Amino acid sequence: QNTPETNPYMQKFLALTTWRPQLLAVFGGVLDYQRYGP
């Protein structure tokens, strides 16, 4: 799920907007439980 073609959030983004960016990328984020609110 780490490419624009296989990432569900990127595919949903493309389905919800008429903009077609010339370049696309998806990157993993950070998991830091202590930084989040409850």
PDB file of all heavy atoms in Angstrom:
ATOM      1  N   GLN A   1       0.819  -1.208   0.000  1.00  0.00           N
ATOM      2  CA  GLN A   1       0.000   0.000   0.000  1.00  0.00           C
ATOM      3  C   GLN A   1       0.854   1.259   0.000  1.00  0.00           C
ATOM      4  O   GLN A   1       0.408   2.323   0.433  1.00  0.00           O
ATOM      5  CB  GLN A   1      -0.951  -0.004   1.208  1.00  0.00           C
ATOM      6  CG  GLN A   1      -2.005  -1.107   1.145  1.00  0.00           C
ATOM      7  CD  GLN A   1      -2.969  -1.058   2.300  1.00  0.00           C
ATOM      8  OE1 GLN A   1      -2.613  -0.705   3.420  1.00  0.00           O
ATOM      9  NE2 GLN A   1      -4.217  -1.416   2.045  1.00  0.00           N
ATOM     10  N   ASN A   2       2.080   1.143  -0.504  1.00  0.00           N
ATOM     11  CA  ASN A   2       3.018   2.267  -0.436  1.00  0.00           C
ATOM     12  C   ASN A   2       3.298   2.922  -1.781  1.00  0.00           C
ATOM     13  O   ASN A   2       4.316   3.592  -1.953  1.00  0.00           O
ATOM     14  CB  ASN A   2       4.334   1.820   0.212  1.00  0.00           C
ATOM     15  CG  ASN A   2       5.066   0.770  -0.602  1.00  0.00           C
ATOM     16  OD1 ASN A   2       4.557   0.307  -1.635  1.00  0.00           O
ATOM     17  ND2 ASN A   2       6.245   0.369  -0.151  1.00  0.00           N
ATOM     18  N   THR A   3       2.382   2.744  -2.741  1.00  0.00           N
ATOM     19  CA  THR A   3       2.494   3.450  -4.027  1.00  0.00           C
ATOM     20  C   THR A   3       1.172   4.160  -4.275  1.00  0.00           C
ATOM     21  O   THR A   3       0.128   3.774  -3.728  1.00  0.00           O
ATOM     22  CB  THR A   3       2.775   2.480  -5.189  1.00  0.00           C
ATOM     23  OG1 THR A   3       1.606   1.657  -5.409  1.00  0.00           O
ATOM     24  CG2 THR A   3       3.988   1.597  -4.902  1.00  0.00           C
ATOM     25  N   PRO A   4       1.175   5.196  -5.114  1.00  0.00           N
ATOM     26  CA  PRO A   4      -0.092   5.885  -5.419  1.00  0.00           C
ATOM     27  C   PRO A   4      -1.150   4.948  -5.985  1.00  0.00           C
ATOM     28  O   PRO A   4      -2.340   5.124  -5.720  1.00  0.00           O
ATOM     29  CB  PRO A   4       0.332   6.944  -6.448  1.00  0.00           C
ATOM     30  CG  PRO A   4       1.761   7.213  -6.127  1.00  0.00           C
ATOM     31  CD  PRO A   4       2.332   5.883  -5.708  1.00  0.00           C
ATOM     32  N   GLU A   5      -0.710   3.941  -6.724  1.00  0.00           N
ATOM     33  CA  GLU A   5      -1.648   3.028  -7.363  1.00  0.00           C
ATOM     34  C   GLU A   5      -2.283   2.051  -6.377  1.00  0.00           C
ATOM     35  O   GLU A   5      -3.394   1.561  -6.605  1.00  0.00           O
ATOM     36  CB  GLU A   5      -0.948   2.246  -8.479  1.00  0.00           C
ATOM     37  CG  GLU A   5      -0.473   3.102  -9.644  1.00  0.00           C
ATOM     38  CD  GLU A   5       0.811   3.854  -9.344  1.00  0.00           C
ATOM     39  OE1 GLU A   5       1.509   3.529  -8.349  1.00  0.00           O
ATOM     40  OE2 GLU A   5       1.126   4.795 -10.099  1.00  0.00           O
ATOM     41  N   THR A   6      -1.585   1.747  -5.291  1.00  0.00           N
ATOM     42  CA  THR A   6      -2.072   0.733  -4.356  1.00  0.00           C
ATOM     43  C   THR A   6      -2.544   1.299  -3.023  1.00  0.00           C
ATOM     44  O   THR A   6      -3.104   0.573  -2.213  1.00  0.00           O
ATOM     45  CB  THR A   6      -0.977  -0.310  -4.071  1.00  0.00           C
ATOM     46  OG1 THR A   6       0.158   0.349  -3.473  1.00  0.00           O
ATOM     47  CG2 THR A   6      -0.546  -1.005  -5.353  1.00  0.00           C
ATOM     48  N   ASN A   7      -2.302   2.577  -2.793  1.00  0.00           N
ATOM     49  CA  ASN A   7      -2.682   3.183  -1.523  1.00  0.00           C
ATOM     50  C   ASN A   7      -4.149   3.604  -1.552  1.00  0.00           C
ATOM     51  O   ASN A   7      -4.548   4.407  -2.405  1.00  0.00           O
ATOM     52  CB  ASN A   7      -1.795   4.395  -1.235  1.00  0.00           C
ATOM     53  CG  ASN A   7      -2.059   4.991   0.127  1.00  0.00           C
ATOM     54  OD1 ASN A   7      -2.957   5.802   0.281  1.00  0.00           O
ATOM     55  ND2 ASN A   7      -1.281   4.589   1.116  1.00  0.00           N
ATOM     56  N   PRO A   8      -4.979   3.075  -0.656  1.00  0.00           N
ATOM     57  CA  PRO A   8      -6.415   3.378  -0.721  1.00  0.00           C
ATOM     58  C   PRO A   8      -6.740   4.844  -0.489  1.00  0.00           C
ATOM     59  O   PRO A   8      -7.695   5.372  -1.075  1.00  0.00           O
ATOM     60  CB  PRO A   8      -7.010   2.497   0.386  1.00  0.00           C
ATOM     61  CG  PRO A   8      -5.872   2.213   1.312  1.00  0.00           C
ATOM     62  CD  PRO A   8      -4.658   2.156   0.450  1.00  0.00           C
ATOM     63  N   TYR A   9      -5.962   5.523   0.339  1.00  0.00           N
ATOM     64  CA  TYR A   9      -6.236   6.936   0.597  1.00  0.00           C
ATOM     65  C   TYR A   9      -5.911   7.806  -0.611  1.00  0.00           C
ATOM     66  O   TYR A   9      -6.606   8.786  -0.887  1.00  0.00           O
ATOM     67  CB  TYR A   9      -5.459   7.411   1.820  1.00  0.00           C
ATOM     68  CG  TYR A   9      -5.838   6.690   3.088  1.00  0.00           C
ATOM     69  CD1 TYR A   9      -4.872   6.188   3.947  1.00  0.00           C
ATOM     70  CD2 TYR A   9      -7.185   6.497   3.421  1.00  0.00           C
ATOM     71  CE1 TYR A   9      -5.225   5.519   5.119  1.00  0.00           C
ATOM     72  CE2 TYR A   9      -7.552   5.828   4.586  1.00  0.00           C
ATOM     73  CZ  TYR A   9      -6.565   5.344   5.432  1.00  0.00           C
ATOM     74  OH  TYR A   9      -6.921   4.675   6.574  1.00  0.00           O
ATOM     75  N   MET A  10      -4.861   7.451  -1.339  1.00  0.00           N
ATOM     76  CA  MET A  10      -4.547   8.202  -2.555  1.00  0.00           C
ATOM     77  C   MET A  10      -5.618   7.973  -3.612  1.00  0.00           C
ATOM     78  O   MET A  10      -6.038   8.903  -4.315  1.00  0.00           O
ATOM     79  CB  MET A  10      -3.174   7.803  -3.092  1.00  0.00           C
ATOM     80  CG  MET A  10      -2.778   8.538  -4.373  1.00  0.00           C
ATOM     81  SD  MET A  10      -2.609  10.335  -4.158  1.00  0.00           S
ATOM     82  CE  MET A  10      -0.937  10.428  -3.491  1.00  0.00           C
ATOM     83  N   GLN A  11      -6.061   6.739  -3.731  1.00  0.00           N
ATOM     84  CA  GLN A  11      -7.098   6.448  -4.710  1.00  0.00           C
ATOM     85  C   GLN A  11      -8.408   7.156  -4.354  1.00  0.00           C
ATOM     86  O   GLN A  11      -9.121   7.642  -5.241  1.00  0.00           O
ATOM     87  CB  GLN A  11      -7.310   4.934  -4.813  1.00  0.00           C
ATOM     88  CG  GLN A  11      -6.148   4.203  -5.462  1.00  0.00           C
ATOM     89  CD  GLN A  11      -5.838   4.742  -6.854  1.00  0.00           C
ATOM     90  OE1 GLN A  11      -6.725   4.805  -7.710  1.00  0.00           O
ATOM     91  NE2 GLN A  11      -4.599   5.131  -7.086  1.00  0.00           N
ATOM     92  N   LYS A  12      -8.718   7.238  -3.071  1.00  0.00           N
ATOM     93  CA  LYS A  12      -9.912   7.973  -2.648  1.00  0.00           C
ATOM     94  C   LYS A  12      -9.752   9.461  -2.933  1.00  0.00           C
ATOM     95  O   LYS A  12     -10.701  10.134  -3.375  1.00  0.00           O
ATOM     96  CB  LYS A  12     -10.161   7.745  -1.159  1.00  0.00           C
ATOM     97  CG  LYS A  12     -11.435   8.409  -0.653  1.00  0.00           C
ATOM     98  CD  LYS A  12     -11.675   8.091   0.817  1.00  0.00           C
ATOM     99  CE  LYS A  12     -12.947   8.759   1.316  1.00  0.00           C
ATOM    100  NZ  LYS A  12     -13.191   8.471   2.760  1.00  0.00           N
ATOM    101  N   PHE A  13      -8.556   9.983  -2.690  1.00  0.00           N
ATOM    102  CA  PHE A  13      -8.275  11.392  -2.987  1.00  0.00           C
ATOM    103  C   PHE A  13      -8.536  11.688  -4.463  1.00  0.00           C
ATOM    104  O   PHE A  13      -9.203  12.667  -4.807  1.00  0.00           O
ATOM    105  CB  PHE A  13      -6.822  11.717  -2.624  1.00  0.00           C
ATOM    106  CG  PHE A  13      -6.353  13.049  -3.132  1.00  0.00           C
ATOM    107  CD1 PHE A  13      -6.661  14.213  -2.447  1.00  0.00           C
ATOM    108  CD2 PHE A  13      -5.602  13.141  -4.302  1.00  0.00           C
ATOM    109  CE1 PHE A  13      -6.231  15.449  -2.928  1.00  0.00           C
ATOM    110  CE2 PHE A  13      -5.174  14.360  -4.783  1.00  0.00           C
ATOM    111  CZ  PHE A  13      -5.487  15.524  -4.094  1.00  0.00           C
ATOM    112  N   LEU A  14      -8.019  10.849  -5.341  1.00  0.00           N
ATOM    113  CA  LEU A  14      -8.189  11.057  -6.774  1.00  0.00           C
ATOM    114  C   LEU A  14      -9.646  10.942  -7.202  1.00  0.00           C
ATOM    115  O   LEU A  14     -10.073  11.567  -8.174  1.00  0.00           O
ATOM    116  CB  LEU A  14      -7.319  10.067  -7.554  1.00  0.00           C
ATOM    117  CG  LEU A  14      -5.806  10.254  -7.393  1.00  0.00           C
ATOM    118  CD1 LEU A  14      -5.061   9.114  -8.078  1.00  0.00           C
ATOM    119  CD2 LEU A  14      -5.355  11.600  -7.943  1.00  0.00           C
ATOM    120  N   ALA A  15     -10.414  10.140  -6.460  1.00  0.00           N
ATOM    121  CA  ALA A  15     -11.832   9.991  -6.784  1.00  0.00           C
ATOM    122  C   ALA A  15     -12.653  11.196  -6.333  1.00  0.00           C
ATOM    123  O   ALA A  15     -13.730  11.458  -6.885  1.00  0.00           O
ATOM    124  CB  ALA A  15     -12.385   8.726  -6.136  1.00  0.00           C
ATOM    125  N   LEU A  16     -12.134  11.945  -5.354  1.00  0.00           N
ATOM    126  CA  LEU A  16     -12.886  13.057  -4.780  1.00  0.00           C
ATOM    127  C   LEU A  16     -12.485  14.424  -5.318  1.00  0.00           C
ATOM    128  O   LEU A  16     -13.073  15.432  -4.918  1.00  0.00           O
ATOM    129  CB  LEU A  16     -12.741  13.047  -3.253  1.00  0.00           C
ATOM    130  CG  LEU A  16     -13.391  11.870  -2.526  1.00  0.00           C
ATOM    131  CD1 LEU A  16     -13.102  11.935  -1.032  1.00  0.00           C
ATOM    132  CD2 LEU A  16     -14.897  11.844  -2.774  1.00  0.00           C
ATOM    133  N   THR A  17     -11.492  14.475  -6.185  1.00  0.00           N
ATOM    134  CA  THR A  17     -11.072  15.753  -6.747  1.00  0.00           C
ATOM    135  C   THR A  17     -10.888  15.633  -8.249  1.00  0.00           C
ATOM    136  O   THR A  17     -10.567  14.555  -8.755  1.00  0.00           O
ATOM    137  CB  THR A  17      -9.756  16.243  -6.095  1.00  0.00           C
ATOM    138  OG1 THR A  17      -9.363  17.489  -6.694  1.00  0.00           O
ATOM    139  CG2 THR A  17      -8.635  15.236  -6.298  1.00  0.00           C
ATOM    140  N   THR A  18     -11.083  16.734  -8.943  1.00  0.00           N
ATOM    141  CA  THR A  18     -10.877  16.749 -10.398  1.00  0.00           C
ATOM    142  C   THR A  18      -9.448  17.113 -10.756  1.00  0.00           C
ATOM    143  O   THR A  18      -9.077  17.033 -11.930  1.00  0.00           O
ATOM    144  CB  THR A  18     -11.835  17.746 -11.058  1.00  0.00           C
ATOM    145  OG1 THR A  18     -11.659  19.041 -10.452  1.00  0.00           O
ATOM    146  CG2 THR A  18     -13.283  17.305 -10.877  1.00  0.00           C
ATOM    147  N   TRP A  19      -8.662  17.524  -9.752  1.00  0.00           N
ATOM    148  CA  TRP A  19      -7.251  17.837  -9.999  1.00  0.00           C
ATOM    149  C   TRP A  19      -6.480  16.557 -10.261  1.00  0.00           C
ATOM    150  O   TRP A  19      -6.663  15.556  -9.567  1.00  0.00           O
ATOM    151  CB  TRP A  19      -6.673  18.561  -8.782  1.00  0.00           C
ATOM    152  CG  TRP A  19      -5.219  18.929  -8.900  1.00  0.00           C
ATOM    153  CD1 TRP A  19      -4.576  19.424  -9.988  1.00  0.00           C
ATOM    154  CD2 TRP A  19      -4.230  18.843  -7.859  1.00  0.00           C
ATOM    155  NE1 TRP A  19      -3.244  19.661  -9.700  1.00  0.00           N
ATOM    156  CE2 TRP A  19      -3.012  19.318  -8.402  1.00  0.00           C
ATOM    157  CE3 TRP A  19      -4.270  18.428  -6.527  1.00  0.00           C
ATOM    158  CZ2 TRP A  19      -1.840  19.365  -7.647  1.00  0.00           C
ATOM    159  CZ3 TRP A  19      -3.106  18.486  -5.784  1.00  0.00           C
ATOM    160  CH2 TRP A  19      -1.899  18.951  -6.341  1.00  0.00           C
ATOM    161  N   ARG A  20      -5.621  16.582 -11.273  1.00  0.00           N
ATOM    162  CA  ARG A  20      -4.773  15.442 -11.591  1.00  0.00           C
ATOM    163  C   ARG A  20      -3.308  15.875 -11.514  1.00  0.00           C
ATOM    164  O   ARG A  20      -2.736  16.348 -12.494  1.00  0.00           O
ATOM    165  CB  ARG A  20      -5.103  14.884 -12.980  1.00  0.00           C
ATOM    166  CG  ARG A  20      -6.442  14.162 -13.034  1.00  0.00           C
ATOM    167  CD  ARG A  20      -6.419  12.944 -12.142  1.00  0.00           C
ATOM    168  NE  ARG A  20      -7.725  12.287 -12.028  1.00  0.00           N
ATOM    169  CZ  ARG A  20      -8.580  12.490 -11.047  1.00  0.00           C
ATOM    170  NH1 ARG A  20      -8.302  13.358 -10.074  1.00  0.00           N
ATOM    171  NH2 ARG A  20      -9.724  11.849 -10.996  1.00  0.00           N
ATOM    172  N   PRO A  21      -2.703  15.738 -10.324  1.00  0.00           N
ATOM    173  CA  PRO A  21      -1.307  16.151 -10.157  1.00  0.00           C
ATOM    174  C   PRO A  21      -0.387  15.435 -11.151  1.00  0.00           C
ATOM    175  O   PRO A  21      -0.598  14.271 -11.488  1.00  0.00           O
ATOM    176  CB  PRO A  21      -0.984  15.748  -8.716  1.00  0.00           C
ATOM    177  CG  PRO A  21      -2.318  15.669  -8.042  1.00  0.00           C
ATOM    178  CD  PRO A  21      -3.264  15.183  -9.096  1.00  0.00           C
ATOM    179  N   GLN A  22       0.644  16.137 -11.572  1.00  0.00           N
ATOM    180  CA  GLN A  22       1.603  15.540 -12.506  1.00  0.00           C
ATOM    181  C   GLN A  22       2.487  14.504 -11.831  1.00  0.00           C
ATOM    182  O   GLN A  22       2.956  13.565 -12.473  1.00  0.00           O
ATOM    183  CB  GLN A  22       2.448  16.650 -13.137  1.00  0.00           C
ATOM    184  CG  GLN A  22       1.641  17.576 -14.028  1.00  0.00           C
ATOM    185  CD  GLN A  22       2.433  18.807 -14.407  1.00  0.00           C
ATOM    186  OE1 GLN A  22       2.635  19.708 -13.609  1.00  0.00           O
ATOM    187  NE2 GLN A  22       2.900  18.851 -15.650  1.00  0.00           N
ATOM    188  N   LEU A  23       2.735  14.680 -10.544  1.00  0.00           N
ATOM    189  CA  LEU A  23       3.512  13.710  -9.770  1.00  0.00           C
ATOM    190  C   LEU A  23       2.746  13.362  -8.506  1.00  0.00           C
ATOM    191  O   LEU A  23       2.144  14.233  -7.871  1.00  0.00           O
ATOM    192  CB  LEU A  23       4.887  14.279  -9.396  1.00  0.00           C
ATOM    193  CG  LEU A  23       5.866  14.585 -10.524  1.00  0.00           C
ATOM    194  CD1 LEU A  23       7.139  15.210  -9.958  1.00  0.00           C
ATOM    195  CD2 LEU A  23       6.199  13.326 -11.313  1.00  0.00           C
ATOM    196  N   LEU A  24       2.778  12.091  -8.144  1.00  0.00           N
ATOM    197  CA  LEU A  24       2.102  11.609  -6.945  1.00  0.00           C
ATOM    198  C   LEU A  24       3.061  10.762  -6.110  1.00  0.00           C
ATOM    199  O   LEU A  24       3.918  10.067  -6.659  1.00  0.00           O
ATOM    200  CB  LEU A  24       0.889  10.752  -7.310  1.00  0.00           C
ATOM    201  CG  LEU A  24      -0.284  11.425  -8.030  1.00  0.00           C
ATOM    202  CD1 LEU A  24      -1.250  10.356  -8.542  1.00  0.00           C
ATOM    203  CD2 LEU A  24      -0.996  12.389  -7.095  1.00  0.00           C
ATOM    204  N   ALA A  25       2.881  10.803  -4.800  1.00  0.00           N
ATOM    205  CA  ALA A  25       3.672   9.937  -3.918  1.00  0.00           C
ATOM    206  C   ALA A  25       2.909   9.698  -2.627  1.00  0.00           C
ATOM    207  O   ALA A  25       2.085  10.522  -2.214  1.00  0.00           O
ATOM    208  CB  ALA A  25       5.034  10.564  -3.622  1.00  0.00           C
ATOM    209  N   VAL A  26       3.182   8.562  -2.000  1.00  0.00           N
ATOM    210  CA  VAL A  26       2.660   8.280  -0.662  1.00  0.00           C
ATOM    211  C   VAL A  26       3.839   7.873   0.220  1.00  0.00           C
ATOM    212  O   VAL A  26       4.738   7.157  -0.218  1.00  0.00           O
ATOM    213  CB  VAL A  26       1.588   7.175  -0.674  1.00  0.00           C
ATOM    214  CG1 VAL A  26       0.355   7.637  -1.436  1.00  0.00           C
ATOM    215  CG2 VAL A  26       2.114   5.880  -1.267  1.00  0.00           C
ATOM    216  N   PHE A  27       3.820   8.339   1.457  1.00  0.00           N
ATOM    217  CA  PHE A  27       4.900   8.048   2.392  1.00  0.00           C
ATOM    218  C   PHE A  27       4.320   7.583   3.729  1.00  0.00           C
ATOM    219  O   PHE A  27       3.288   8.091   4.184  1.00  0.00           O
ATOM    220  CB  PHE A  27       5.767   9.290   2.638  1.00  0.00           C
ATOM    221  CG  PHE A  27       6.352   9.885   1.390  1.00  0.00           C
ATOM    222  CD1 PHE A  27       6.068  11.194   1.024  1.00  0.00           C
ATOM    223  CD2 PHE A  27       7.178   9.129   0.559  1.00  0.00           C
ATOM    224  CE1 PHE A  27       6.605  11.748  -0.123  1.00  0.00           C
ATOM    225  CE2 PHE A  27       7.717   9.667  -0.596  1.00  0.00           C
ATOM    226  CZ  PHE A  27       7.428  10.989  -0.938  1.00  0.00           C
ATOM    227  N   GLY A  28       5.000   6.628   4.331  1.00  0.00           N
ATOM    228  CA  GLY A  28       4.607   6.198   5.660  1.00  0.00           C
ATOM    229  C   GLY A  28       4.807   7.316   6.667  1.00  0.00           C
ATOM    230  O   GLY A  28       5.722   8.133   6.535  1.00  0.00           O
ATOM    231  N   GLY A  29       3.960   7.349   7.675  1.00  0.00           N
ATOM    232  CA  GLY A  29       4.050   8.396   8.688  1.00  0.00           C
ATOM    233  C   GLY A  29       4.816   7.947   9.916  1.00  0.00           C
ATOM    234  O   GLY A  29       5.658   7.050   9.848  1.00  0.00           O
ATOM    235  N   VAL A  30       4.506   8.569  11.037  1.00  0.00           N
ATOM    236  CA  VAL A  30       5.163   8.241  12.304  1.00  0.00           C
ATOM    237  C   VAL A  30       4.099   7.774  13.287  1.00  0.00           C
ATOM    238  O   VAL A  30       2.979   8.291  13.311  1.00  0.00           O
ATOM    239  CB  VAL A  30       5.937   9.462  12.862  1.00  0.00           C
ATOM    240  CG1 VAL A  30       5.004  10.623  13.163  1.00  0.00           C
ATOM    241  CG2 VAL A  30       6.725   9.081  14.101  1.00  0.00           C
ATOM    242  N   LEU A  31       4.446   6.782  14.092  1.00  0.00           N
ATOM    243  CA  LEU A  31       3.553   6.281  15.135  1.00  0.00           C
ATOM    244  C   LEU A  31       4.160   6.660  16.479  1.00  0.00           C
ATOM    245  O   LEU A  31       5.183   6.116  16.880  1.00  0.00           O
ATOM    246  CB  LEU A  31       3.386   4.767  15.022  1.00  0.00           C
ATOM    247  CG  LEU A  31       2.464   4.107  16.048  1.00  0.00           C
ATOM    248  CD1 LEU A  31       1.044   4.638  15.926  1.00  0.00           C
ATOM    249  CD2 LEU A  31       2.475   2.588  15.878  1.00  0.00           C
ATOM    250  N   ASP A  32       3.538   7.611  17.153  1.00  0.00           N
ATOM    251  CA  ASP A  32       4.038   8.107  18.436  1.00  0.00           C
ATOM    252  C   ASP A  32       2.839   8.296  19.364  1.00  0.00           C
ATOM    253  O   ASP A  32       2.237   9.372  19.429  1.00  0.00           O
ATOM    254  CB  ASP A  32       4.778   9.435  18.232  1.00  0.00           C
ATOM    255  CG  ASP A  32       5.383   9.972  19.519  1.00  0.00           C
ATOM    256  OD1 ASP A  32       5.229   9.315  20.571  1.00  0.00           O
ATOM    257  OD2 ASP A  32       5.995  11.059  19.483  1.00  0.00           O
ATOM    258  N   TYR A  33       2.478   7.257  20.074  1.00  0.00           N
ATOM    259  CA  TYR A  33       1.269   7.275  20.893  1.00  0.00           C
ATOM    260  C   TYR A  33       1.265   8.407  21.923  1.00  0.00           C
ATOM    261  O   TYR A  33       0.216   9.005  22.190  1.00  0.00           O
ATOM    262  CB  TYR A  33       1.107   5.937  21.611  1.00  0.00           C
ATOM    263  CG  TYR A  33       0.641   4.804  20.738  1.00  0.00           C
ATOM    264  CD1 TYR A  33       1.471   3.727  20.444  1.00  0.00           C
ATOM    265  CD2 TYR A  33      -0.650   4.799  20.211  1.00  0.00           C
ATOM    266  CE1 TYR A  33       1.033   2.677  19.646  1.00  0.00           C
ATOM    267  CE2 TYR A  33      -1.092   3.756  19.412  1.00  0.00           C
ATOM    268  CZ  TYR A  33      -0.239   2.698  19.132  1.00  0.00           C
ATOM    269  OH  TYR A  33      -0.690   1.665  18.335  1.00  0.00           O
ATOM    270  N   GLN A  34       2.415   8.685  22.510  1.00  0.00           N
ATOM    271  CA  GLN A  34       2.450   9.686  23.576  1.00  0.00           C
ATOM    272  C   GLN A  34       2.215  11.104  23.052  1.00  0.00           C
ATOM    273  O   GLN A  34       1.912  12.009  23.821  1.00  0.00           O
ATOM    274  CB  GLN A  34       3.790   9.604  24.319  1.00  0.00           C
ATOM    275  CG  GLN A  34       3.998   8.303  25.061  1.00  0.00           C
ATOM    276  CD  GLN A  34       2.862   8.001  26.024  1.00  0.00           C
ATOM    277  OE1 GLN A  34       2.512   8.835  26.853  1.00  0.00           O
ATOM    278  NE2 GLN A  34       2.274   6.812  25.919  1.00  0.00           N
ATOM    279  N   ARG A  35       2.327  11.272  21.755  1.00  0.00           N
ATOM    280  CA  ARG A  35       2.122  12.598  21.176  1.00  0.00           C
ATOM    281  C   ARG A  35       0.643  12.868  20.886  1.00  0.00           C
ATOM    282  O   ARG A  35       0.242  14.015  20.733  1.00  0.00           O
ATOM    283  CB  ARG A  35       2.940  12.722  19.887  1.00  0.00           C
ATOM    284  CG  ARG A  35       3.065  14.124  19.370  1.00  0.00           C
ATOM    285  CD  ARG A  35       4.038  14.171  18.233  1.00  0.00           C
ATOM    286  NE  ARG A  35       4.312  15.530  17.807  1.00  0.00           N
ATOM    287  CZ  ARG A  35       5.153  15.870  16.850  1.00  0.00           C
ATOM    288  NH1 ARG A  35       5.827  14.921  16.221  1.00  0.00           N
ATOM    289  NH2 ARG A  35       5.339  17.128  16.526  1.00  0.00           N
ATOM    290  N   TYR A  36      -0.148  11.809  20.807  1.00  0.00           N
ATOM    291  CA  TYR A  36      -1.556  11.958  20.455  1.00  0.00           C
ATOM    292  C   TYR A  36      -2.407  12.337  21.666  1.00  0.00           C
ATOM    293  O   TYR A  36      -2.075  12.032  22.808  1.00  0.00           O
ATOM    294  CB  TYR A  36      -2.108  10.639  19.881  1.00  0.00           C
ATOM    295  CG  TYR A  36      -1.321  10.069  18.737  1.00  0.00           C
ATOM    296  CD1 TYR A  36      -1.106   8.697  18.625  1.00  0.00           C
ATOM    297  CD2 TYR A  36      -0.775  10.895  17.754  1.00  0.00           C
ATOM    298  CE1 TYR A  36      -0.390   8.163  17.575  1.00  0.00           C
ATOM    299  CE2 TYR A  36      -0.050  10.369  16.701  1.00  0.00           C
ATOM    300  CZ  TYR A  36       0.146   8.997  16.614  1.00  0.00           C
ATOM    301  OH  TYR A  36       0.862   8.472  15.581  1.00  0.00           O
ATOM    302  N   GLY A  37      -3.534  12.980  21.364  1.00  0.00           N
ATOM    303  CA  GLY A  37      -4.537  13.196  22.394  1.00  0.00           C
ATOM    304  C   GLY A  37      -5.215  11.881  22.721  1.00  0.00           C
ATOM    305  O   GLY A  37      -5.082  10.892  21.991  1.00  0.00           O
ATOM    306  N   PRO A  38      -5.962  11.823  23.823  1.00  0.00           N
ATOM    307  CA  PRO A  38      -6.583  10.563  24.257  1.00  0.00           C
ATOM    308  C   PRO A  38      -7.450   9.911  23.186  1.00  0.00           C
ATOM    309  O   PRO A  38      -7.391   8.684  22.999  1.00  0.00           O
ATOM    310  CB  PRO A  38      -7.418  10.990  25.476  1.00  0.00           C
ATOM    311  CG  PRO A  38      -6.733  12.211  25.983  1.00  0.00           C
ATOM    312  CD  PRO A  38      -6.201  12.919  24.775  1.00  0.00           C
TER     313      PRO A  38
END
